[in-house]
C-alpha atoms as a PDB file:
ATOM      1  CA  MET A   1     -46.999  37.801 -39.517  1.00  0.00           C
ATOM      2  CA  ASP A   2     -46.824  41.590 -39.657  1.00  0.00           C
ATOM      3  CA  GLY A   3     -45.908  44.223 -37.071  1.00  0.00           C
ATOM      4  CA  ILE A   4     -45.814  41.872 -34.071  1.00  0.00           C
ATOM      5  CA  GLN A   5     -44.711  43.580 -30.868  1.00  0.00           C
ATOM      6  CA  ARG A   6     -44.688  42.354 -27.278  1.00  0.00           C
ATOM      7  CA  ARG A   7     -43.452  44.546 -24.464  1.00  0.00           C
ATOM      8  CA  PHE A   8     -42.913  43.767 -20.795  1.00  0.00           C
ATOM      9  CA  GLY A   9     -42.698  47.118 -19.046  1.00  0.00           C
ATOM     10  CA  GLY A  10     -39.891  48.995 -20.747  1.00  0.00           C
ATOM     11  CA  LEU A  11     -38.455  45.873 -22.427  1.00  0.00           C
ATOM     12  CA  THR A  12     -39.496  45.046 -25.989  1.00  0.00           C
ATOM     13  CA  ALA A  13     -39.258  41.248 -26.095  1.00  0.00           C
ATOM     14  CA  VAL A  14     -40.519  40.852 -29.680  1.00  0.00           C
ATOM     15  CA  ASP A  15     -40.545  43.386 -32.507  1.00  0.00           C
ATOM     16  CA  VAL A  16     -41.002  41.574 -35.842  1.00  0.00           C
ATOM     17  CA  ASP A  17     -41.949  43.655 -38.886  1.00  0.00           C
ATOM     18  CA  HIS A  18     -42.673  40.754 -41.236  1.00  0.00           C
ATOM     19  CA  LEU A  19     -42.037  37.018 -41.267  1.00  0.00           C
ATOM     20  CA  GLU A  20     -43.289  34.091 -43.344  1.00  0.00           C
ATOM     21  CA  ILE A  21     -42.716  30.400 -42.638  1.00  0.00           C
ATOM     22  CA  PRO A  22     -42.165  28.326 -45.827  1.00  0.00           C
ATOM     23  CA  ARG A  23     -44.693  25.537 -46.367  1.00  0.00           C
ATOM     24  CA  ASN A  24     -43.657  21.865 -46.436  1.00  0.00           C
ATOM     25  CA  ALA A  25     -40.190  22.750 -45.174  1.00  0.00           C
ATOM     26  CA  ILE A  26     -38.202  22.697 -41.940  1.00  0.00           C
ATOM     27  CA  THR A  27     -37.477  26.170 -40.569  1.00  0.00           C
ATOM     28  CA  ALA A  28     -35.100  26.776 -37.675  1.00  0.00           C
ATOM     29  CA  LEU A  29     -35.558  29.754 -35.366  1.00  0.00           C
ATOM     30  CA  ILE A  30     -32.232  30.558 -33.737  1.00  0.00           C
ATOM     31  CA  GLY A  31     -30.711  33.287 -31.616  1.00  0.00           C
ATOM     32  CA  PRO A  32     -28.976  33.910 -28.283  1.00  0.00           C
ATOM     33  CA  ASN A  33     -30.718  33.562 -24.938  1.00  0.00           C
ATOM     34  CA  GLY A  34     -33.223  36.364 -24.468  1.00  0.00           C
ATOM     35  CA  ALA A  35     -33.648  36.920 -28.221  1.00  0.00           C
ATOM     36  CA  GLY A  36     -37.439  36.480 -27.994  1.00  0.00           C
ATOM     37  CA  LYS A  37     -37.789  33.055 -29.630  1.00  0.00           C
ATOM     38  CA  THR A  38     -40.032  31.404 -27.041  1.00  0.00           C
ATOM     39  CA  THR A  39     -42.027  34.614 -26.584  1.00  0.00           C
ATOM     40  CA  LEU A  40     -42.689  34.595 -30.334  1.00  0.00           C
ATOM     41  CA  PHE A  41     -43.773  30.948 -30.083  1.00  0.00           C
ATOM     42  CA  ASN A  42     -46.167  31.848 -27.276  1.00  0.00           C
ATOM     43  CA  LEU A  43     -47.661  34.700 -29.302  1.00  0.00           C
ATOM     44  CA  LEU A  44     -48.154  32.620 -32.435  1.00  0.00           C
ATOM     45  CA  THR A  45     -49.851  29.776 -30.569  1.00  0.00           C
ATOM     46  CA  GLY A  46     -52.193  31.818 -28.383  1.00  0.00           C
ATOM     47  CA  PHE A  47     -50.360  31.337 -25.094  1.00  0.00           C
ATOM     48  CA  ASP A  48     -49.647  35.080 -24.930  1.00  0.00           C
ATOM     49  CA  LYS A  49     -51.127  38.208 -26.495  1.00  0.00           C
ATOM     50  CA  PRO A  50     -49.108  40.825 -28.408  1.00  0.00           C
ATOM     51  CA  ASP A  51     -49.396  44.544 -27.852  1.00  0.00           C
ATOM     52  CA  GLN A  52     -49.917  44.950 -31.582  1.00  0.00           C
ATOM     53  CA  GLY A  53     -49.655  43.087 -34.852  1.00  0.00           C
ATOM     54  CA  GLU A  54     -51.474  40.498 -36.912  1.00  0.00           C
ATOM     55  CA  TRP A  55     -50.685  37.021 -38.138  1.00  0.00           C
ATOM     56  CA  SER A  56     -52.437  34.338 -40.126  1.00  0.00           C
ATOM     57  CA  PHE A  57     -52.246  30.602 -40.675  1.00  0.00           C
ATOM     58  CA  ASP A  58     -53.461  28.831 -43.813  1.00  0.00           C
ATOM     59  CA  GLY A  59     -54.983  32.078 -45.031  1.00  0.00           C
ATOM     60  CA  ARG A  60     -57.046  32.641 -41.871  1.00  0.00           C
ATOM     61  CA  SER A  61     -56.271  35.232 -39.224  1.00  0.00           C
ATOM     62  CA  ILE A  62     -55.421  33.737 -35.834  1.00  0.00           C
ATOM     63  CA  SER A  63     -54.765  37.051 -34.093  1.00  0.00           C
ATOM     64  CA  GLY A  64     -56.278  36.786 -30.626  1.00  0.00           C
ATOM     65  CA  VAL A  65     -57.425  33.182 -31.158  1.00  0.00           C
ATOM     66  CA  PRO A  66     -57.038  31.119 -27.931  1.00  0.00           C
ATOM     67  CA  ALA A  67     -54.434  28.350 -27.818  1.00  0.00           C
ATOM     68  CA  PHE A  68     -56.846  25.415 -27.987  1.00  0.00           C
ATOM     69  CA  LYS A  69     -58.509  26.798 -31.131  1.00  0.00           C
ATOM     70  CA  VAL A  70     -55.128  27.445 -32.753  1.00  0.00           C
ATOM     71  CA  ALA A  71     -54.332  23.753 -32.176  1.00  0.00           C
ATOM     72  CA  GLN A  72     -57.706  22.701 -33.600  1.00  0.00           C
ATOM     73  CA  ARG A  73     -56.878  24.608 -36.782  1.00  0.00           C
ATOM     74  CA  GLY A  74     -53.719  22.546 -37.262  1.00  0.00           C
ATOM     75  CA  GLN A  75     -50.969  24.610 -35.635  1.00  0.00           C
ATOM     76  CA  VAL A  76     -49.586  22.534 -32.769  1.00  0.00           C
ATOM     77  CA  ARG A  77     -46.565  23.082 -30.534  1.00  0.00           C
ATOM     78  CA  THR A  78     -44.372  21.313 -28.021  1.00  0.00           C
ATOM     79  CA  PHE A  79     -42.571  22.918 -25.085  1.00  0.00           C
ATOM     80  CA  GLN A  80     -38.971  23.223 -23.980  1.00  0.00           C
ATOM     81  CA  LEU A  81     -40.070  21.817 -20.626  1.00  0.00           C
ATOM     82  CA  THR A  82     -42.296  18.900 -21.530  1.00  0.00           C
ATOM     83  CA  LYS A  83     -45.961  18.914 -20.515  1.00  0.00           C
ATOM     84  CA  ALA A  84     -46.541  15.169 -20.197  1.00  0.00           C
ATOM     85  CA  LEU A  85     -49.088  14.286 -17.507  1.00  0.00           C
ATOM     86  CA  GLY A  86     -47.019  12.169 -15.150  1.00  0.00           C
ATOM     87  CA  LEU A  87     -49.890  10.371 -13.400  1.00  0.00           C
ATOM     88  CA  LEU A  88     -51.379   9.156 -16.679  1.00  0.00           C
ATOM     89  CA  THR A  89     -49.911   6.313 -18.694  1.00  0.00           C
ATOM     90  CA  VAL A  90     -48.014   6.947 -21.901  1.00  0.00           C
ATOM     91  CA  LEU A  91     -50.976   5.634 -23.918  1.00  0.00           C
ATOM     92  CA  GLU A  92     -53.433   7.853 -22.018  1.00  0.00           C
ATOM     93  CA  ASN A  93     -51.230  10.884 -22.713  1.00  0.00           C
ATOM     94  CA  MET A  94     -51.291  10.025 -26.404  1.00  0.00           C
ATOM     95  CA  LYS A  95     -55.065   9.709 -26.547  1.00  0.00           C
ATOM     96  CA  LEU A  96     -55.439  13.194 -25.089  1.00  0.00           C
ATOM     97  CA  GLY A  97     -53.792  14.597 -28.217  1.00  0.00           C
ATOM     98  CA  ALA A  98     -56.547  13.485 -30.587  1.00  0.00           C
ATOM     99  CA  LYS A  99     -59.029  16.190 -31.538  1.00  0.00           C
ATOM    100  CA  GLY A 100     -62.783  16.032 -32.071  1.00  0.00           C
ATOM    101  CA  GLN A 101     -63.392  13.351 -29.468  1.00  0.00           C
ATOM    102  CA  THR A 102     -67.116  12.778 -28.976  1.00  0.00           C
ATOM    103  CA  GLY A 103     -66.614  11.563 -25.411  1.00  0.00           C
ATOM    104  CA  GLU A 104     -65.141  14.907 -24.359  1.00  0.00           C
ATOM    105  CA  ARG A 105     -68.599  16.486 -24.387  1.00  0.00           C
ATOM    106  CA  PHE A 106     -70.685  16.084 -21.266  1.00  0.00           C
ATOM    107  CA  LEU A 107     -73.891  14.519 -22.569  1.00  0.00           C
ATOM    108  CA  PRO A 108     -72.277  12.067 -25.043  1.00  0.00           C
ATOM    109  CA  SER A 109     -69.811  11.031 -22.322  1.00  0.00           C
ATOM    110  CA  LEU A 110     -72.754   9.523 -20.406  1.00  0.00           C
ATOM    111  CA  PHE A 111     -73.430   7.076 -23.260  1.00  0.00           C
ATOM    112  CA  PRO A 112     -70.307   5.034 -24.052  1.00  0.00           C
ATOM    113  CA  PHE A 113     -71.866   3.463 -27.153  1.00  0.00           C
ATOM    114  CA  LEU A 114     -71.677   6.914 -28.781  1.00  0.00           C
ATOM    115  CA  TRP A 115     -67.901   7.201 -28.510  1.00  0.00           C
ATOM    116  CA  ARG A 116     -66.447   3.733 -27.865  1.00  0.00           C
ATOM    117  CA  GLY A 117     -65.806   3.025 -31.565  1.00  0.00           C
ATOM    118  CA  GLN A 118     -64.003   6.337 -32.023  1.00  0.00           C
ATOM    119  CA  ASP A 119     -61.990   5.702 -28.872  1.00  0.00           C
ATOM    120  CA  GLU A 120     -60.790   2.378 -30.249  1.00  0.00           C
ATOM    121  CA  GLN A 121     -59.650   4.063 -33.468  1.00  0.00           C
ATOM    122  CA  ILE A 122     -57.804   6.723 -31.469  1.00  0.00           C
ATOM    123  CA  GLU A 123     -56.079   4.034 -29.413  1.00  0.00           C
ATOM    124  CA  LYS A 124     -54.956   2.191 -32.550  1.00  0.00           C
ATOM    125  CA  LYS A 125     -53.540   5.408 -33.968  1.00  0.00           C
ATOM    126  CA  ALA A 126     -51.722   6.074 -30.685  1.00  0.00           C
ATOM    127  CA  GLU A 127     -50.223   2.594 -30.703  1.00  0.00           C
ATOM    128  CA  VAL A 128     -48.939   3.063 -34.267  1.00  0.00           C
ATOM    129  CA  LEU A 129     -47.229   6.325 -33.320  1.00  0.00           C
ATOM    130  CA  LEU A 130     -45.786   4.892 -30.115  1.00  0.00           C
ATOM    131  CA  LYS A 131     -44.261   2.062 -32.122  1.00  0.00           C
ATOM    132  CA  LYS A 132     -42.835   4.544 -34.626  1.00  0.00           C
ATOM    133  CA  PHE A 133     -41.263   6.536 -31.776  1.00  0.00           C
ATOM    134  CA  LYS A 134     -40.067   3.332 -30.075  1.00  0.00           C
ATOM    135  CA  LEU A 135     -42.209   3.982 -27.001  1.00  0.00           C
ATOM    136  CA  ASP A 136     -44.597   1.054 -27.460  1.00  0.00           C
ATOM    137  CA  ALA A 137     -42.887  -0.921 -24.685  1.00  0.00           C
ATOM    138  CA  LYS A 138     -43.677   1.978 -22.324  1.00  0.00           C
ATOM    139  CA  SER A 139     -47.334   2.197 -23.316  1.00  0.00           C
ATOM    140  CA  ASP A 140     -48.714   1.182 -19.918  1.00  0.00           C
ATOM    141  CA  ASP A 141     -46.043   2.953 -17.848  1.00  0.00           C
ATOM    142  CA  PHE A 142     -46.758   6.227 -16.111  1.00  0.00           C
ATOM    143  CA  ALA A 143     -45.340   9.165 -18.080  1.00  0.00           C
ATOM    144  CA  ALA A 144     -43.510  10.298 -14.929  1.00  0.00           C
ATOM    145  CA  SER A 145     -41.273   7.215 -15.213  1.00  0.00           C
ATOM    146  CA  LEU A 146     -39.887   8.253 -18.617  1.00  0.00           C
ATOM    147  CA  SER A 147     -36.470   9.818 -19.082  1.00  0.00           C
ATOM    148  CA  GLY A 148     -36.194  13.403 -20.299  1.00  0.00           C
ATOM    149  CA  GLY A 149     -35.479  12.248 -23.847  1.00  0.00           C
ATOM    150  CA  GLN A 150     -38.392   9.826 -23.821  1.00  0.00           C
ATOM    151  CA  ARG A 151     -40.729  12.585 -22.653  1.00  0.00           C
ATOM    152  CA  LYS A 152     -39.570  14.688 -25.622  1.00  0.00           C
ATOM    153  CA  LEU A 153     -40.448  11.780 -27.919  1.00  0.00           C
ATOM    154  CA  LEU A 154     -43.818  11.375 -26.205  1.00  0.00           C
ATOM    155  CA  GLU A 155     -44.656  15.052 -26.573  1.00  0.00           C
ATOM    156  CA  MET A 156     -43.778  15.036 -30.271  1.00  0.00           C
ATOM    157  CA  ALA A 157     -45.764  11.833 -30.844  1.00  0.00           C
ATOM    158  CA  ARG A 158     -48.751  13.239 -28.943  1.00  0.00           C
ATOM    159  CA  ALA A 159     -48.660  16.402 -31.069  1.00  0.00           C
ATOM    160  CA  LEU A 160     -49.000  14.228 -34.172  1.00  0.00           C
ATOM    161  CA  MET A 161     -52.209  12.700 -32.829  1.00  0.00           C
ATOM    162  CA  SER A 162     -54.069  15.802 -34.037  1.00  0.00           C
ATOM    163  CA  ASP A 163     -52.697  15.561 -37.617  1.00  0.00           C
ATOM    164  CA  PRO A 164     -51.223  19.091 -37.575  1.00  0.00           C
ATOM    165  CA  THR A 165     -50.347  21.112 -40.654  1.00  0.00           C
ATOM    166  CA  LEU A 166     -47.667  23.087 -38.801  1.00  0.00           C
ATOM    167  CA  LEU A 167     -45.681  21.558 -35.944  1.00  0.00           C
ATOM    168  CA  MET A 168     -43.725  23.968 -33.732  1.00  0.00           C
ATOM    169  CA  LEU A 169     -40.974  22.455 -31.575  1.00  0.00           C
ATOM    170  CA  ASP A 170     -39.429  24.535 -28.787  1.00  0.00           C
ATOM    171  CA  GLU A 171     -35.865  23.266 -28.292  1.00  0.00           C
ATOM    172  CA  PRO A 172     -36.650  19.605 -29.035  1.00  0.00           C
ATOM    173  CA  MET A 173     -33.071  18.538 -28.284  1.00  0.00           C
ATOM    174  CA  ALA A 174     -32.691  20.308 -24.926  1.00  0.00           C
ATOM    175  CA  GLY A 175     -31.835  17.785 -22.224  1.00  0.00           C
ATOM    176  CA  VAL A 176     -31.825  14.840 -24.641  1.00  0.00           C
ATOM    177  CA  ASN A 177     -28.924  12.399 -24.384  1.00  0.00           C
ATOM    178  CA  PRO A 178     -26.904  11.623 -27.543  1.00  0.00           C
ATOM    179  CA  ALA A 179     -28.465   8.158 -27.841  1.00  0.00           C
ATOM    180  CA  LEU A 180     -31.892   9.694 -28.535  1.00  0.00           C
ATOM    181  CA  THR A 181     -30.750  12.774 -30.453  1.00  0.00           C
ATOM    182  CA  GLN A 182     -30.454  10.964 -33.788  1.00  0.00           C
ATOM    183  CA  SER A 183     -33.879   9.401 -33.289  1.00  0.00           C
ATOM    184  CA  LEU A 184     -35.448  12.829 -32.786  1.00  0.00           C
ATOM    185  CA  LEU A 185     -33.631  14.197 -35.830  1.00  0.00           C
ATOM    186  CA  ASP A 186     -34.908  11.340 -37.973  1.00  0.00           C
ATOM    187  CA  HIS A 187     -38.475  11.920 -36.798  1.00  0.00           C
ATOM    188  CA  ILE A 188     -38.303  15.629 -37.653  1.00  0.00           C
ATOM    189  CA  LEU A 189     -36.982  14.813 -41.133  1.00  0.00           C
ATOM    190  CA  ASP A 190     -39.790  12.263 -41.560  1.00  0.00           C
ATOM    191  CA  LEU A 191     -42.356  14.985 -40.864  1.00  0.00           C
ATOM    192  CA  LYS A 192     -41.133  16.943 -43.874  1.00  0.00           C
ATOM    193  CA  GLU A 193     -41.334  13.834 -46.050  1.00  0.00           C
ATOM    194  CA  GLU A 194     -44.953  13.471 -44.931  1.00  0.00           C
ATOM    195  CA  GLY A 195     -45.708  16.985 -46.213  1.00  0.00           C
ATOM    196  CA  MET A 196     -45.762  18.730 -42.858  1.00  0.00           C
ATOM    197  CA  THR A 197     -44.372  22.195 -42.104  1.00  0.00           C
ATOM    198  CA  VAL A 198     -41.991  22.312 -39.130  1.00  0.00           C
ATOM    199  CA  LEU A 199     -40.745  25.334 -37.178  1.00  0.00           C
ATOM    200  CA  PHE A 200     -38.285  24.638 -34.379  1.00  0.00           C
ATOM    201  CA  VAL A 201     -36.141  26.565 -31.913  1.00  0.00           C
ATOM    202  CA  GLU A 202     -32.623  25.239 -31.505  1.00  0.00           C
ATOM    203  CA  HIS A 203     -29.172  26.374 -30.340  1.00  0.00           C
ATOM    204  CA  ASP A 204     -27.093  23.608 -31.942  1.00  0.00           C
ATOM    205  CA  MET A 205     -25.824  24.887 -35.280  1.00  0.00           C
ATOM    206  CA  HIS A 206     -24.713  21.422 -36.385  1.00  0.00           C
ATOM    207  CA  MET A 207     -28.282  20.198 -36.068  1.00  0.00           C
ATOM    208  CA  VAL A 208     -29.633  23.285 -37.827  1.00  0.00           C
ATOM    209  CA  ARG A 209     -27.282  22.801 -40.771  1.00  0.00           C
ATOM    210  CA  HIS A 210     -28.214  19.127 -40.926  1.00  0.00           C
ATOM    211  CA  ILE A 211     -32.009  19.343 -41.099  1.00  0.00           C
ATOM    212  CA  ALA A 212     -33.169  22.949 -41.717  1.00  0.00           C
ATOM    213  CA  ASP A 213     -34.201  24.204 -45.159  1.00  0.00           C
ATOM    214  CA  TRP A 214     -34.585  27.783 -43.935  1.00  0.00           C
ATOM    215  CA  VAL A 215     -33.166  29.640 -40.934  1.00  0.00           C
ATOM    216  CA  VAL A 216     -34.566  32.694 -39.139  1.00  0.00           C
ATOM    217  CA  VAL A 217     -32.240  34.508 -36.738  1.00  0.00           C
ATOM    218  CA  MET A 218     -33.527  36.661 -33.866  1.00  0.00           C
ATOM    219  CA  ALA A 219     -31.601  39.035 -31.630  1.00  0.00           C
ATOM    220  CA  GLU A 220     -33.040  41.486 -29.104  1.00  0.00           C
ATOM    221  CA  GLY A 221     -36.561  40.654 -30.272  1.00  0.00           C
ATOM    222  CA  LYS A 222     -35.935  41.414 -33.953  1.00  0.00           C
ATOM    223  CA  VAL A 223     -35.346  39.226 -36.989  1.00  0.00           C
ATOM    224  CA  VAL A 224     -31.786  40.078 -38.017  1.00  0.00           C
ATOM    225  CA  ALA A 225     -31.356  37.556 -40.843  1.00  0.00           C
ATOM    226  CA  GLU A 226     -33.075  34.718 -42.671  1.00  0.00           C
ATOM    227  CA  GLY A 227     -32.226  32.399 -45.517  1.00  0.00           C
ATOM    228  CA  PRO A 228     -30.649  29.007 -46.303  1.00  0.00           C
ATOM    229  CA  PRO A 229     -28.477  27.653 -43.424  1.00  0.00           C
ATOM    230  CA  ASP A 230     -25.064  27.992 -45.083  1.00  0.00           C
ATOM    231  CA  ALA A 231     -25.700  31.572 -46.164  1.00  0.00           C
ATOM    232  CA  VAL A 232     -27.103  32.642 -42.805  1.00  0.00           C
ATOM    233  CA  MET A 233     -24.200  31.143 -40.825  1.00  0.00           C
ATOM    234  CA  LYS A 234     -21.780  33.351 -42.766  1.00  0.00           C
ATOM    235  CA  ASP A 235     -23.750  36.539 -42.161  1.00  0.00           C
ATOM    236  CA  PRO A 236     -21.658  38.923 -39.998  1.00  0.00           C
ATOM    237  CA  ALA A 237     -24.800  40.096 -38.168  1.00  0.00           C
ATOM    238  CA  VAL A 238     -25.570  36.491 -37.204  1.00  0.00           C
ATOM    239  CA  ILE A 239     -22.044  35.791 -36.017  1.00  0.00           C
ATOM    240  CA  ASP A 240     -22.081  38.952 -33.914  1.00  0.00           C
ATOM    241  CA  ALA A 241     -25.571  38.372 -32.530  1.00  0.00           C
ATOM    242  CA  TYR A 242     -25.099  34.711 -31.735  1.00  0.00           C
ATOM    243  CA  LEU A 243     -21.545  34.421 -30.434  1.00  0.00           C
ATOM    244  CA  GLY A 244     -19.978  37.865 -30.569  1.00  0.00           C
ATOM    245  CA  ALA A 245     -16.390  37.576 -29.422  1.00  0.00           C
ATOM    246  CA  HIS A 246     -16.776  33.772 -29.153  1.00  0.00           C
ATOM    247  CA  GLN A 247     -17.334  33.139 -32.837  1.00  0.00           C
ATOM    248  CA  ASP A 248     -14.243  30.906 -32.969  1.00  0.00           C
ATOM    249  CA  VAL A 249     -15.836  28.452 -30.497  1.00  0.00           C
ATOM    250  CA  ASP A 250     -17.799  25.539 -31.992  1.00  0.00           C
ATOM    251  CA  LEU A 251     -21.441  25.763 -30.926  1.00  0.00           C
ATOM    252  CA  GLY A 252     -21.620  21.980 -30.765  1.00  0.00           C
ATOM    253  CA  ILE A 253     -19.047  22.160 -27.954  1.00  0.00           C
ATOM    254  CA  VAL A 254     -20.797  25.057 -26.215  1.00  0.00           C
ATOM    255  CA  THR A 255     -24.106  23.178 -26.177  1.00  0.00           C
ATOM    256  CA  GLY A 256     -22.472  19.964 -24.942  1.00  0.00           C
ATOM    257  CA  ARG A 257     -23.283  17.855 -27.987  1.00  0.00           C
ATOM    258  CA  ILE A 258     -19.649  17.392 -28.998  1.00  0.00           C
ATOM    259  CA  PRO A 259     -17.114  15.863 -26.564  1.00  0.00           C
ATOM    260  CA  ASP A 260     -15.089  18.578 -24.875  1.00  0.00           C
ATOM    261  CA  PRO A 261     -12.340  16.973 -22.759  1.00  0.00           C
ATOM    262  CA  GLU A 262     -10.514  20.282 -22.336  1.00  0.00           C
ATOM    263  CA  GLY A 263     -13.582  22.107 -21.027  1.00  0.00           C
ATOM    264  CA  THR A 264     -13.342  24.837 -23.675  1.00  0.00           C
ATOM    265  CA  GLY A 265     -17.071  24.821 -24.361  1.00  0.00           C
ATOM    266  CA  LYS A 266     -18.018  25.006 -20.701  1.00  0.00           C
ATOM    267  CA  LYS A 267     -15.796  28.035 -20.175  1.00  0.00           C
ATOM    268  CA  ALA A 268     -17.172  29.742 -23.290  1.00  0.00           C
ATOM    269  CA  ALA A 269     -20.767  28.987 -22.277  1.00  0.00           C
ATOM    270  CA  GLU A 270     -20.155  30.401 -18.793  1.00  0.00           C
ATOM    271  CA  GLN A 271     -18.549  33.525 -20.241  1.00  0.00           C
ATOM    272  CA  ILE A 272     -21.359  34.028 -22.767  1.00  0.00           C
ATOM    273  CA  GLU A 273     -23.948  33.643 -20.002  1.00  0.00           C
ATOM    274  CA  ALA A 274     -22.047  36.074 -17.760  1.00  0.00           C
ATOM    275  CA  GLU A 275     -21.880  38.647 -20.544  1.00  0.00           C
ATOM    276  CA  TYR A 276     -25.609  38.226 -21.213  1.00  0.00           C
ATOM    277  CA  GLU A 277     -26.431  38.698 -17.509  1.00  0.00           C
ATOM    278  CA  ALA A 278     -24.215  41.792 -17.436  1.00  0.00           C
ATOM    279  CA  GLU A 279     -26.099  43.250 -20.404  1.00  0.00           C
ATOM    280  CA  LEU A 280     -29.452  42.642 -18.723  1.00  0.00           C
ATOM    281  CA  ASP A 281     -28.147  44.171 -15.505  1.00  0.00           C
ATOM    282  CA  ALA A 282     -26.908  47.248 -17.350  1.00  0.00           C
ATOM    283  CA  GLU A 283     -30.326  47.740 -18.967  1.00  0.00           C
ATOM    284  CA  ALA A 284     -32.221  47.318 -15.690  1.00  0.00           C
ATOM    285  CA  PRO A 285     -33.198  50.297 -13.503  1.00  0.00           C
ATOM    286  CA  ALA A 286     -30.619  51.110 -10.856  1.00  0.00           C
ATOM    287  CA  SER A 287     -32.931  49.888  -8.068  1.00  0.00           C
ATOM    288  CA  LYS A 288     -33.150  46.422  -9.634  1.00  0.00           C
ATOM    289  CA  ARG A 289     -29.516  45.866 -10.535  1.00  0.00           C
ATOM    290  CA  LYS A 290     -27.729  42.980  -8.933  1.00  0.00           C
ATOM    291  CA  LYS A 291     -25.429  43.940  -6.123  1.00  0.00           C
ATOM    292  CA  LYS A 292     -21.827  43.055  -6.741  1.00  0.00           C
END
């Protein structure tokens, strides 16, 4: 991607000069709240339009291509807040993820014999993935009955129904209990072994170090560093951008993934959030600043 910019009024949310995602590798996109990570995801997948810039996927430009066509070309994403359809069963949600379904078109849909065989193949594929993600026992349950972690698993499994080349995961571990965290990590690592390219947003540095081959760091809409995890974590610009004065606090504690009986992480997280809100307030026009 080259020269990508997205502005909201006077705020530049994304300003990326150049960025490439390594093939057949796991890339982590990290940065503090408000760094522009999810906005960048939205731009790359057609859910938002940039003010300027171009980007390509597999050698083809996807600038201005709508989200559903981006997915058809093999670039699929999940969301921080899962998009499972609660009133459909888990299996029905999975089947929606398959592309090129004959029965989706109006005229063929009137003649089941045209698409029934394909539908059976899609269902078999869905069942295989549900078993892999340990959701096969929930196949006939409504998606609304799943826990937050199970919905994350469902969304990742559904994304794989379209056989993507690039899978983009927006905070896959957010809201997931520790019992399911390792399962999600294993699935992401499996994707790399299967030759897939993965780009994910995450705040937990322990997870990033564990599974990422390459790390891209954003702050204030810009890419401030990129490289192998160990090298990036030692970069002074990254330390300043990510934790600032709180660089001595373990991010695993701040994010709640490491036991914190003394409440150190909670206090640090609250202070970091307060400082971030203060920065936003200082940048806002006087008429829109929060009253003390």
